[in-house]
PDB file of N, CA and C in Angstrom:
ATOM      1  N   GLU A   1      10.025  15.286 -11.388  1.00  0.00           N
ATOM      2  CA  GLU A   1       9.900  15.764  -9.885  1.00  0.00           C
ATOM      3  C   GLU A   1       8.489  16.393  -9.771  1.00  0.00           C
ATOM      4  N   ARG A   2       7.895  16.371  -8.702  1.00  0.00           N
ATOM      5  CA  ARG A   2       6.666  16.922  -8.370  1.00  0.00           C
ATOM      6  C   ARG A   2       6.844  18.418  -8.239  1.00  0.00           C
ATOM      7  N   LYS A   3       5.989  19.000  -8.817  1.00  0.00           N
ATOM      8  CA  LYS A   3       5.743  20.536  -8.438  1.00  0.00           C
ATOM      9  C   LYS A   3       5.223  20.823  -7.154  1.00  0.00           C
ATOM     10  N   THR A   4       4.264  20.123  -6.914  1.00  0.00           N
ATOM     11  CA  THR A   4       3.549  20.613  -5.607  1.00  0.00           C
ATOM     12  C   THR A   4       3.897  19.107  -4.619  1.00  0.00           C
ATOM     13  N   PRO A   5       4.028  19.670  -3.243  1.00  0.00           N
ATOM     14  CA  PRO A   5       4.280  18.523  -2.276  1.00  0.00           C
ATOM     15  C   PRO A   5       3.144  17.660  -1.941  1.00  0.00           C
ATOM     16  N   VAL A   6       3.646  16.493  -1.814  1.00  0.00           N
ATOM     17  CA  VAL A   6       2.458  15.308  -1.451  1.00  0.00           C
ATOM     18  C   VAL A   6       2.241  15.469  -0.273  1.00  0.00           C
ATOM     19  N   ARG A   7       0.716  15.779   0.042  1.00  0.00           N
ATOM     20  CA  ARG A   7       0.110  16.066   1.545  1.00  0.00           C
ATOM     21  C   ARG A   7       0.196  14.613   2.319  1.00  0.00           C
ATOM     22  N   GLY A   8       0.340  13.519   1.965  1.00  0.00           N
ATOM     23  CA  GLY A   8       0.662  12.520   2.474  1.00  0.00           C
ATOM     24  C   GLY A   8       0.270  11.177   1.358  1.00  0.00           C
ATOM     25  N   THR A   9       0.542   9.965   2.247  1.00  0.00           N
ATOM     26  CA  THR A   9       0.416   8.759   1.227  1.00  0.00           C
ATOM     27  C   THR A   9      -0.870   7.614   1.797  1.00  0.00           C
ATOM     28  N   ILE A  10      -1.732   7.559   0.967  1.00  0.00           N
ATOM     29  CA  ILE A  10      -2.784   6.299   1.422  1.00  0.00           C
ATOM     30  C   ILE A  10      -2.228   5.178   0.920  1.00  0.00           C
ATOM     31  N   PHE A  11      -2.033   4.265   1.953  1.00  0.00           N
ATOM     32  CA  PHE A  11      -1.339   2.814   1.798  1.00  0.00           C
ATOM     33  C   PHE A  11      -2.752   1.863   2.000  1.00  0.00           C
ATOM     34  N   PHE A  12      -3.366   1.532   0.806  1.00  0.00           N
ATOM     35  CA  PHE A  12      -4.626   0.692   0.865  1.00  0.00           C
ATOM     36  C   PHE A  12      -4.198  -0.892   0.511  1.00  0.00           C
ATOM     37  N   VAL A  13      -4.584  -1.462   1.673  1.00  0.00           N
ATOM     38  CA  VAL A  13      -4.516  -3.049   1.421  1.00  0.00           C
ATOM     39  C   VAL A  13      -5.914  -3.540   0.892  1.00  0.00           C
ATOM     40  N   HIS A  14      -5.863  -3.971  -0.564  1.00  0.00           N
ATOM     41  CA  HIS A  14      -6.989  -4.582  -0.934  1.00  0.00           C
ATOM     42  C   HIS A  14      -7.908  -5.824   0.093  1.00  0.00           C
ATOM     43  N   GLY A  15      -9.007  -5.580   0.145  1.00  0.00           N
ATOM     44  CA  GLY A  15     -10.082  -6.665   0.716  1.00  0.00           C
ATOM     45  C   GLY A  15     -10.120  -7.936   0.366  1.00  0.00           C
ATOM     46  N   GLY A  16     -10.573  -8.926   0.921  1.00  0.00           N
ATOM     47  CA  GLY A  16     -10.942 -10.166   0.346  1.00  0.00           C
ATOM     48  C   GLY A  16     -10.904 -11.361   1.515  1.00  0.00           C
ATOM     49  N   ALA A  17     -10.757 -10.871   2.562  1.00  0.00           N
ATOM     50  CA  ALA A  17     -10.593 -11.905   3.654  1.00  0.00           C
ATOM     51  C   ALA A  17      -9.510 -12.980   3.469  1.00  0.00           C
ATOM     52  N   TRP A  18      -8.381 -12.479   2.791  1.00  0.00           N
ATOM     53  CA  TRP A  18      -7.100 -13.141   2.748  1.00  0.00           C
ATOM     54  C   TRP A  18      -7.034 -14.283   1.605  1.00  0.00           C
ATOM     55  N   GLY A  19      -8.431 -14.383   0.958  1.00  0.00           N
ATOM     56  CA  GLY A  19      -8.565 -15.418   0.119  1.00  0.00           C
ATOM     57  C   GLY A  19      -9.049 -15.152  -1.350  1.00  0.00           C
ATOM     58  N   ALA A  20      -9.224 -13.996  -1.416  1.00  0.00           N
ATOM     59  CA  ALA A  20      -9.862 -13.185  -2.983  1.00  0.00           C
ATOM     60  C   ALA A  20      -9.355 -11.452  -2.849  1.00  0.00           C
ATOM     61  N   GLY A  21      -9.906 -10.986  -3.955  1.00  0.00           N
ATOM     62  CA  GLY A  21      -9.497  -9.784  -4.255  1.00  0.00           C
ATOM     63  C   GLY A  21      -8.377  -9.642  -4.914  1.00  0.00           C
ATOM     64  N   CYS A  22      -8.235  -8.333  -5.233  1.00  0.00           N
ATOM     65  CA  CYS A  22      -7.112  -8.166  -6.220  1.00  0.00           C
ATOM     66  C   CYS A  22      -6.851  -6.486  -6.178  1.00  0.00           C
ATOM     67  N   PRO A  23      -5.323  -5.902  -6.043  1.00  0.00           N
ATOM     68  CA  PRO A  23      -5.533  -4.405  -5.889  1.00  0.00           C
ATOM     69  C   PRO A  23      -6.297  -3.739  -7.266  1.00  0.00           C
ATOM     70  N   TRP A  24      -6.214  -4.125  -8.293  1.00  0.00           N
ATOM     71  CA  TRP A  24      -6.823  -3.414  -9.449  1.00  0.00           C
ATOM     72  C   TRP A  24      -8.246  -3.253  -9.145  1.00  0.00           C
ATOM     73  N   MET A  25      -8.980  -4.004  -8.384  1.00  0.00           N
ATOM     74  CA  MET A  25     -10.566  -4.011  -8.064  1.00  0.00           C
ATOM     75  C   MET A  25     -10.676  -2.635  -7.442  1.00  0.00           C
ATOM     76  N   TYR A  26      -9.604  -2.044  -6.706  1.00  0.00           N
ATOM     77  CA  TYR A  26      -9.794  -0.884  -6.003  1.00  0.00           C
ATOM     78  C   TYR A  26      -9.449   0.349  -6.402  1.00  0.00           C
ATOM     79  N   ARG A  27      -8.891   0.184  -7.619  1.00  0.00           N
ATOM     80  CA  ARG A  27      -8.208   1.314  -8.385  1.00  0.00           C
ATOM     81  C   ARG A  27      -9.139   2.579  -8.545  1.00  0.00           C
ATOM     82  N   LEU A  28     -10.405   2.442  -8.640  1.00  0.00           N
ATOM     83  CA  LEU A  28     -11.329   3.751  -8.565  1.00  0.00           C
ATOM     84  C   LEU A  28     -11.471   4.566  -7.300  1.00  0.00           C
ATOM     85  N   ILE A  29     -10.506   4.148  -6.168  1.00  0.00           N
ATOM     86  CA  ILE A  29     -10.769   5.020  -4.998  1.00  0.00           C
ATOM     87  C   ILE A  29      -9.529   5.921  -5.158  1.00  0.00           C
ATOM     88  N   ALA A  30      -8.671   5.637  -5.971  1.00  0.00           N
ATOM     89  CA  ALA A  30      -7.323   6.542  -5.994  1.00  0.00           C
ATOM     90  C   ALA A  30      -7.584   7.960  -6.851  1.00  0.00           C
ATOM     91  N   PRO A  31      -8.444   8.412  -7.532  1.00  0.00           N
ATOM     92  CA  PRO A  31      -8.569   9.668  -8.332  1.00  0.00           C
ATOM     93  C   PRO A  31      -8.943  10.494  -7.078  1.00  0.00           C
ATOM     94  N   ALA A  32      -9.942  10.184  -5.954  1.00  0.00           N
ATOM     95  CA  ALA A  32     -10.572  10.977  -5.266  1.00  0.00           C
ATOM     96  C   ALA A  32      -9.240  11.581  -4.405  1.00  0.00           C
ATOM     97  N   PHE A  33      -8.391  10.648  -3.909  1.00  0.00           N
ATOM     98  CA  PHE A  33      -7.220  11.031  -2.934  1.00  0.00           C
ATOM     99  C   PHE A  33      -6.169  11.712  -3.769  1.00  0.00           C
ATOM    100  N   LEU A  34      -6.055  11.423  -5.069  1.00  0.00           N
ATOM    101  CA  LEU A  34      -4.987  12.127  -5.763  1.00  0.00           C
ATOM    102  C   LEU A  34      -5.322  13.363  -6.304  1.00  0.00           C
ATOM    103  N   SER A  35      -6.597  13.700  -6.216  1.00  0.00           N
ATOM    104  CA  SER A  35      -7.183  15.038  -6.878  1.00  0.00           C
ATOM    105  C   SER A  35      -6.898  16.013  -5.366  1.00  0.00           C
ATOM    106  N   ARG A  36      -6.663  15.443  -4.057  1.00  0.00           N
ATOM    107  CA  ARG A  36      -6.514  16.243  -3.122  1.00  0.00           C
ATOM    108  C   ARG A  36      -5.197  16.388  -2.597  1.00  0.00           C
ATOM    109  N   GLY A  37      -4.266  15.676  -3.649  1.00  0.00           N
ATOM    110  CA  GLY A  37      -2.814  16.027  -3.327  1.00  0.00           C
ATOM    111  C   GLY A  37      -2.276  14.734  -2.633  1.00  0.00           C
ATOM    112  N   PHE A  38      -2.953  13.646  -2.418  1.00  0.00           N
ATOM    113  CA  PHE A  38      -2.387  12.604  -1.486  1.00  0.00           C
ATOM    114  C   PHE A  38      -1.918  11.758  -2.801  1.00  0.00           C
ATOM    115  N   ALA A  39      -0.748  10.900  -2.476  1.00  0.00           N
ATOM    116  CA  ALA A  39      -0.310   9.712  -3.158  1.00  0.00           C
ATOM    117  C   ALA A  39      -1.152   8.273  -2.690  1.00  0.00           C
ATOM    118  N   VAL A  40      -1.196   7.548  -3.813  1.00  0.00           N
ATOM    119  CA  VAL A  40      -2.088   6.384  -3.492  1.00  0.00           C
ATOM    120  C   VAL A  40      -1.278   5.114  -3.871  1.00  0.00           C
ATOM    121  N   ALA A  41      -0.913   4.286  -2.701  1.00  0.00           N
ATOM    122  CA  ALA A  41      -0.313   2.699  -2.817  1.00  0.00           C
ATOM    123  C   ALA A  41      -1.563   1.693  -2.647  1.00  0.00           C
ATOM    124  N   ILE A  42      -2.026   1.250  -3.751  1.00  0.00           N
ATOM    125  CA  ILE A  42      -2.817   0.054  -3.606  1.00  0.00           C
ATOM    126  C   ILE A  42      -1.906  -1.334  -3.733  1.00  0.00           C
ATOM    127  N   VAL A  43      -1.937  -1.846  -2.453  1.00  0.00           N
ATOM    128  CA  VAL A  43      -1.202  -3.202  -2.500  1.00  0.00           C
ATOM    129  C   VAL A  43      -1.834  -4.244  -2.616  1.00  0.00           C
ATOM    130  N   GLY A  44      -1.353  -5.237  -2.707  1.00  0.00           N
ATOM    131  CA  GLY A  44      -1.883  -6.852  -2.636  1.00  0.00           C
ATOM    132  C   GLY A  44      -1.156  -7.661  -1.971  1.00  0.00           C
ATOM    133  N   TYR A  45      -1.426  -8.777  -1.821  1.00  0.00           N
ATOM    134  CA  TYR A  45      -1.112  -9.941  -1.066  1.00  0.00           C
ATOM    135  C   TYR A  45      -1.268 -11.000  -2.038  1.00  0.00           C
ATOM    136  N   ARG A  46      -0.632 -12.084  -1.652  1.00  0.00           N
ATOM    137  CA  ARG A  46      -1.052 -13.565  -2.327  1.00  0.00           C
ATOM    138  C   ARG A  46      -2.013 -14.164  -1.334  1.00  0.00           C
ATOM    139  N   THR A  47      -3.127 -14.518  -2.338  1.00  0.00           N
ATOM    140  CA  THR A  47      -4.406 -15.221  -1.665  1.00  0.00           C
ATOM    141  C   THR A  47      -4.478 -16.809  -1.486  1.00  0.00           C
ATOM    142  N   TYR A  48      -5.241 -16.910  -0.502  1.00  0.00           N
ATOM    143  CA  TYR A  48      -5.427 -18.496  -0.300  1.00  0.00           C
ATOM    144  C   TYR A  48      -6.479 -18.671  -0.943  1.00  0.00           C
ATOM    145  N   PRO A  49      -6.760 -20.120  -1.542  1.00  0.00           N
ATOM    146  CA  PRO A  49      -5.721 -21.318  -1.384  1.00  0.00           C
ATOM    147  C   PRO A  49      -4.764 -21.093  -2.843  1.00  0.00           C
ATOM    148  N   ASP A  50      -4.776 -20.298  -3.519  1.00  0.00           N
ATOM    149  CA  ASP A  50      -3.887 -20.056  -4.833  1.00  0.00           C
ATOM    150  C   ASP A  50      -2.465 -20.118  -4.119  1.00  0.00           C
ATOM    151  N   ALA A  51      -2.352 -19.525  -3.277  1.00  0.00           N
ATOM    152  CA  ALA A  51      -0.558 -19.022  -3.073  1.00  0.00           C
ATOM    153  C   ALA A  51      -0.312 -20.321  -2.072  1.00  0.00           C
ATOM    154  N   LYS A  52      -0.892 -21.261  -1.681  1.00  0.00           N
ATOM    155  CA  LYS A  52      -0.670 -22.078  -0.703  1.00  0.00           C
ATOM    156  C   LYS A  52       0.249 -21.519   0.271  1.00  0.00           C
ATOM    157  N   CYS A  53      -0.267 -20.334   1.025  1.00  0.00           N
ATOM    158  CA  CYS A  53       0.403 -19.718   1.790  1.00  0.00           C
ATOM    159  C   CYS A  53      -0.389 -19.705   3.211  1.00  0.00           C
ATOM    160  N   VAL A  54       0.316 -19.013   4.512  1.00  0.00           N
ATOM    161  CA  VAL A  54      -0.505 -18.832   5.489  1.00  0.00           C
ATOM    162  C   VAL A  54      -0.713 -17.373   5.866  1.00  0.00           C
ATOM    163  N   VAL A  55      -1.276 -16.928   6.916  1.00  0.00           N
ATOM    164  CA  VAL A  55      -1.826 -15.652   6.917  1.00  0.00           C
ATOM    165  C   VAL A  55      -0.425 -14.890   7.358  1.00  0.00           C
ATOM    166  N   ARG A  56       0.520 -15.517   7.884  1.00  0.00           N
ATOM    167  CA  ARG A  56       1.865 -15.184   8.246  1.00  0.00           C
ATOM    168  C   ARG A  56       2.709 -14.392   7.187  1.00  0.00           C
ATOM    169  N   ASP A  57       2.406 -15.413   5.856  1.00  0.00           N
ATOM    170  CA  ASP A  57       3.115 -15.160   4.535  1.00  0.00           C
ATOM    171  C   ASP A  57       2.435 -14.026   4.215  1.00  0.00           C
ATOM    172  N   GLN A  58       0.928 -13.690   4.009  1.00  0.00           N
ATOM    173  CA  GLN A  58       0.465 -12.911   3.530  1.00  0.00           C
ATOM    174  C   GLN A  58       0.550 -11.506   4.461  1.00  0.00           C
ATOM    175  N   VAL A  59       0.786 -11.440   5.692  1.00  0.00           N
ATOM    176  CA  VAL A  59       1.014 -10.357   6.353  1.00  0.00           C
ATOM    177  C   VAL A  59       2.582  -9.835   5.925  1.00  0.00           C
ATOM    178  N   GLY A  60       3.236 -10.762   5.423  1.00  0.00           N
ATOM    179  CA  GLY A  60       4.663 -10.402   5.090  1.00  0.00           C
ATOM    180  C   GLY A  60       4.855  -9.817   3.864  1.00  0.00           C
ATOM    181  N   ASP A  61       3.950 -10.279   2.888  1.00  0.00           N
ATOM    182  CA  ASP A  61       3.493  -9.449   1.637  1.00  0.00           C
ATOM    183  C   ASP A  61       3.460  -8.046   1.802  1.00  0.00           C
ATOM    184  N   ILE A  62       2.662  -7.895   2.589  1.00  0.00           N
ATOM    185  CA  ILE A  62       1.715  -6.297   3.006  1.00  0.00           C
ATOM    186  C   ILE A  62       3.049  -5.526   3.518  1.00  0.00           C
ATOM    187  N   LYS A  63       3.910  -6.358   4.490  1.00  0.00           N
ATOM    188  CA  LYS A  63       4.844  -5.517   5.032  1.00  0.00           C
ATOM    189  C   LYS A  63       6.083  -5.187   4.124  1.00  0.00           C
ATOM    190  N   ASP A  64       6.301  -6.276   3.086  1.00  0.00           N
ATOM    191  CA  ASP A  64       7.416  -5.994   1.916  1.00  0.00           C
ATOM    192  C   ASP A  64       6.909  -5.082   1.299  1.00  0.00           C
ATOM    193  N   ALA A  65       5.567  -4.593   0.829  1.00  0.00           N
ATOM    194  CA  ALA A  65       5.227  -3.538   0.210  1.00  0.00           C
ATOM    195  C   ALA A  65       5.393  -2.150   0.629  1.00  0.00           C
ATOM    196  N   TRP A  66       5.040  -2.540   2.048  1.00  0.00           N
ATOM    197  CA  TRP A  66       5.388  -1.065   2.874  1.00  0.00           C
ATOM    198  C   TRP A  66       6.960  -0.591   2.870  1.00  0.00           C
ATOM    199  N   ASN A  67       7.703  -1.894   3.082  1.00  0.00           N
ATOM    200  CA  ASN A  67       8.863  -1.613   3.009  1.00  0.00           C
ATOM    201  C   ASN A  67       9.659  -0.840   1.846  1.00  0.00           C
ATOM    202  N   ALA A  68       9.078  -1.579   0.850  1.00  0.00           N
ATOM    203  CA  ALA A  68       9.512  -1.059  -0.783  1.00  0.00           C
ATOM    204  C   ALA A  68       9.359   0.305  -0.839  1.00  0.00           C
ATOM    205  N   LEU A  69       7.962   0.493  -0.343  1.00  0.00           N
ATOM    206  CA  LEU A  69       7.375   1.770  -0.406  1.00  0.00           C
ATOM    207  C   LEU A  69       8.341   2.805   0.232  1.00  0.00           C
ATOM    208  N   ARG A  70       8.651   2.546   1.454  1.00  0.00           N
ATOM    209  CA  ARG A  70       9.497   3.461   2.164  1.00  0.00           C
ATOM    210  C   ARG A  70      10.916   3.482   1.470  1.00  0.00           C
ATOM    211  N   ASP A  71      11.510   2.494   1.244  1.00  0.00           N
ATOM    212  CA  ASP A  71      12.782   2.633   0.605  1.00  0.00           C
ATOM    213  C   ASP A  71      12.949   3.047  -0.686  1.00  0.00           C
ATOM    214  N   GLU A  72      12.065   2.941  -1.482  1.00  0.00           N
ATOM    215  CA  GLU A  72      12.198   3.258  -2.913  1.00  0.00           C
ATOM    216  C   GLU A  72      11.486   4.878  -3.225  1.00  0.00           C
ATOM    217  N   LEU A  73      10.592   5.001  -2.502  1.00  0.00           N
ATOM    218  CA  LEU A  73       9.752   6.224  -2.864  1.00  0.00           C
ATOM    219  C   LEU A  73       9.820   7.222  -1.527  1.00  0.00           C
ATOM    220  N   LYS A  74      10.757   7.315  -1.088  1.00  0.00           N
ATOM    221  CA  LYS A  74      10.971   7.939   0.504  1.00  0.00           C
ATOM    222  C   LYS A  74      10.311   9.234   0.454  1.00  0.00           C
ATOM    223  N   PHE A  75      10.205  10.059  -0.645  1.00  0.00           N
ATOM    224  CA  PHE A  75       9.533  11.224  -0.912  1.00  0.00           C
ATOM    225  C   PHE A  75       8.240  11.168  -0.735  1.00  0.00           C
ATOM    226  N   LEU A  76       7.365   9.981  -0.643  1.00  0.00           N
ATOM    227  CA  LEU A  76       6.175   9.702  -0.283  1.00  0.00           C
ATOM    228  C   LEU A  76       5.531   9.622   1.046  1.00  0.00           C
ATOM    229  N   ILE A  77       6.739   9.295   1.896  1.00  0.00           N
ATOM    230  CA  ILE A  77       6.375   8.973   3.326  1.00  0.00           C
ATOM    231  C   ILE A  77       6.781  10.224   3.976  1.00  0.00           C
ATOM    232  N   THR A  78       5.815  10.943   4.973  1.00  0.00           N
ATOM    233  CA  THR A  78       6.149  11.832   5.875  1.00  0.00           C
ATOM    234  C   THR A  78       6.525  11.172   7.204  1.00  0.00           C
ATOM    235  N   PRO A  79       7.461  12.099   7.893  1.00  0.00           N
ATOM    236  CA  PRO A  79       7.799  11.589   9.427  1.00  0.00           C
ATOM    237  C   PRO A  79       6.669  11.063  10.007  1.00  0.00           C
ATOM    238  N   ILE A  80       5.508  11.741   9.990  1.00  0.00           N
ATOM    239  CA  ILE A  80       4.370  11.616  10.846  1.00  0.00           C
ATOM    240  C   ILE A  80       3.880  10.156  10.554  1.00  0.00           C
ATOM    241  N   ASP A  81       3.969   9.750   9.290  1.00  0.00           N
ATOM    242  CA  ASP A  81       3.418   8.555   8.649  1.00  0.00           C
ATOM    243  C   ASP A  81       4.427   7.289   9.018  1.00  0.00           C
ATOM    244  N   ASP A  82       5.474   7.555   9.006  1.00  0.00           N
ATOM    245  CA  ASP A  82       6.594   6.527   9.250  1.00  0.00           C
ATOM    246  C   ASP A  82       7.522   7.080  10.546  1.00  0.00           C
ATOM    247  N   GLY A  83       6.983   7.427  11.518  1.00  0.00           N
ATOM    248  CA  GLY A  83       7.791   7.453  12.805  1.00  0.00           C
ATOM    249  C   GLY A  83       8.512   6.284  13.465  1.00  0.00           C
ATOM    250  N   ASP A  84       8.151   5.159  12.945  1.00  0.00           N
ATOM    251  CA  ASP A  84       8.890   3.733  13.559  1.00  0.00           C
ATOM    252  C   ASP A  84       9.489   3.497  12.770  1.00  0.00           C
ATOM    253  N   LYS A  85       9.632   3.686  11.563  1.00  0.00           N
ATOM    254  CA  LYS A  85      10.824   3.323  10.409  1.00  0.00           C
ATOM    255  C   LYS A  85      10.460   1.678  10.281  1.00  0.00           C
ATOM    256  N   GLU A  86      10.009   1.064  11.088  1.00  0.00           N
ATOM    257  CA  GLU A  86       9.660  -0.526  10.781  1.00  0.00           C
ATOM    258  C   GLU A  86       8.288  -0.755  11.184  1.00  0.00           C
ATOM    259  N   MET A  87       7.686  -1.594  10.196  1.00  0.00           N
ATOM    260  CA  MET A  87       6.453  -2.019  10.424  1.00  0.00           C
ATOM    261  C   MET A  87       6.345  -3.113  11.297  1.00  0.00           C
TER     262      MET A  87
END
């Protein structure tokens, strides 16, 4: 259990124009936010052409990541961050 409250959560989706990039490439952004009391989720999605998917599927991957974070780690989401409860 955390000793200090989380100020908020940074939900970072990696770049790459849908066709490149990986979450680990952005891991160096996390320490700056963590040191200020934020939780950080760096999420990814299947990339084209490796995944043979369309943008709709990739957006679905991001949506699934948000929903998993919201459902499994509720303590990281504040009402102001998740007022809609559905992405």
